[in-house]
């Protein structure tokens, strides 16, 4: 009988020849600093303009209190 050639057969018969290298530099993310006063002003404007409802504002307050 003839031997069946499959992709897995190559991996199983020569595991030492399979090599990978990770040449990519590690990614270091520095946190973005957000100005709290600016954010508060934006939230006020959103609420005044009607883009943020009172219910949505209360949800934000509740969520922020949970964080602290």
C-alpha atoms as a PDB file:
ATOM      1  CA  UNK A   1       0.000   0.000   0.000  1.00  0.00           C
ATOM      2  CA  UNK A   2       1.084   3.570  -0.595  1.00  0.00           C
ATOM      3  CA  UNK A   3       1.475   6.027   2.239  1.00  0.00           C
ATOM      4  CA  UNK A   4      -1.162   8.772   2.363  1.00  0.00           C
ATOM      5  CA  UNK A   5       0.417  12.212   2.241  1.00  0.00           C
ATOM      6  CA  UNK A   6      -1.381  14.762   4.361  1.00  0.00           C
ATOM      7  CA  UNK A   7      -0.392  18.021   5.971  1.00  0.00           C
ATOM      8  CA  UNK A   8      -0.573  16.523   9.441  1.00  0.00           C
ATOM      9  CA  UNK A   9       1.771  13.733   8.424  1.00  0.00           C
ATOM     10  CA  UNK A  10       4.514  16.285   7.797  1.00  0.00           C
ATOM     11  CA  UNK A  11       3.978  17.914  11.158  1.00  0.00           C
ATOM     12  CA  UNK A  12       3.923  14.605  12.998  1.00  0.00           C
ATOM     13  CA  UNK A  13       7.059  13.220  11.372  1.00  0.00           C
ATOM     14  CA  UNK A  14       9.298  16.296  11.755  1.00  0.00           C
ATOM     15  CA  UNK A  15       8.272  18.325  14.783  1.00  0.00           C
ATOM     16  CA  UNK A  16      11.789  19.736  15.281  1.00  0.00           C
ATOM     17  CA  UNK A  17      11.691  21.433  11.869  1.00  0.00           C
ATOM     18  CA  UNK A  18       8.609  23.458  12.726  1.00  0.00           C
ATOM     19  CA  UNK A  19       9.773  26.692  14.234  1.00  0.00           C
ATOM     20  CA  UNK A  20       8.166  30.010  14.746  1.00  0.00           C
ATOM     21  CA  UNK A  21       9.683  33.208  15.919  1.00  0.00           C
ATOM     22  CA  UNK A  22       8.026  36.183  17.464  1.00  0.00           C
ATOM     23  CA  UNK A  23       9.961  39.178  16.210  1.00  0.00           C
ATOM     24  CA  UNK A  24       7.272  41.729  17.010  1.00  0.00           C
ATOM     25  CA  UNK A  25       8.025  44.156  19.816  1.00  0.00           C
ATOM     26  CA  UNK A  26       5.726  44.023  22.803  1.00  0.00           C
ATOM     27  CA  UNK A  27       2.978  46.620  22.833  1.00  0.00           C
ATOM     28  CA  UNK A  28       2.900  48.832  25.888  1.00  0.00           C
ATOM     29  CA  UNK A  29      -0.261  50.889  26.193  1.00  0.00           C
ATOM     30  CA  UNK A  30      -0.090  53.949  28.335  1.00  0.00           C
ATOM     31  CA  UNK A  31      -3.455  55.057  29.733  1.00  0.00           C
ATOM     32  CA  UNK A  32      -5.091  58.110  28.232  1.00  0.00           C
ATOM     33  CA  UNK A  33      -5.544  60.825  30.835  1.00  0.00           C
ATOM     34  CA  UNK A  34      -9.006  62.403  30.724  1.00  0.00           C
ATOM     35  CA  UNK A  35      -9.615  65.824  32.214  1.00  0.00           C
ATOM     36  CA  UNK A  36     -12.478  65.327  34.681  1.00  0.00           C
ATOM     37  CA  UNK A  37     -13.591  68.974  34.511  1.00  0.00           C
ATOM     38  CA  UNK A  38     -13.789  68.815  30.713  1.00  0.00           C
ATOM     39  CA  UNK A  39     -15.773  65.579  30.883  1.00  0.00           C
ATOM     40  CA  UNK A  40     -18.193  67.104  33.398  1.00  0.00           C
ATOM     41  CA  UNK A  41     -18.731  70.103  31.097  1.00  0.00           C
ATOM     42  CA  UNK A  42     -19.412  67.801  28.140  1.00  0.00           C
ATOM     43  CA  UNK A  43     -21.951  65.832  30.185  1.00  0.00           C
ATOM     44  CA  UNK A  44     -23.676  69.083  31.214  1.00  0.00           C
ATOM     45  CA  UNK A  45     -23.858  70.203  27.578  1.00  0.00           C
ATOM     46  CA  UNK A  46     -25.217  66.813  26.469  1.00  0.00           C
ATOM     47  CA  UNK A  47     -27.905  67.027  29.162  1.00  0.00           C
ATOM     48  CA  UNK A  48     -28.848  70.625  28.297  1.00  0.00           C
ATOM     49  CA  UNK A  49     -28.993  69.836  24.567  1.00  0.00           C
ATOM     50  CA  UNK A  50     -31.205  66.815  25.217  1.00  0.00           C
ATOM     51  CA  UNK A  51     -28.644  64.265  24.030  1.00  0.00           C
ATOM     52  CA  UNK A  52     -28.472  62.761  27.519  1.00  0.00           C
ATOM     53  CA  UNK A  53     -31.688  62.119  29.419  1.00  0.00           C
ATOM     54  CA  UNK A  54     -32.104  62.467  33.167  1.00  0.00           C
ATOM     55  CA  UNK A  55     -32.425  58.685  33.346  1.00  0.00           C
ATOM     56  CA  UNK A  56     -29.132  58.305  31.472  1.00  0.00           C
ATOM     57  CA  UNK A  57     -27.482  60.844  33.758  1.00  0.00           C
ATOM     58  CA  UNK A  58     -28.693  58.954  36.827  1.00  0.00           C
ATOM     59  CA  UNK A  59     -27.318  55.733  35.354  1.00  0.00           C
ATOM     60  CA  UNK A  60     -23.911  57.381  34.884  1.00  0.00           C
ATOM     61  CA  UNK A  61     -23.942  58.627  38.476  1.00  0.00           C
ATOM     62  CA  UNK A  62     -24.856  55.170  39.814  1.00  0.00           C
ATOM     63  CA  UNK A  63     -22.143  53.506  37.735  1.00  0.00           C
ATOM     64  CA  UNK A  64     -19.504  56.002  38.861  1.00  0.00           C
ATOM     65  CA  UNK A  65     -20.462  55.454  42.487  1.00  0.00           C
ATOM     66  CA  UNK A  66     -19.993  51.695  42.037  1.00  0.00           C
ATOM     67  CA  UNK A  67     -16.461  52.277  40.740  1.00  0.00           C
ATOM     68  CA  UNK A  68     -15.480  54.208  43.825  1.00  0.00           C
END
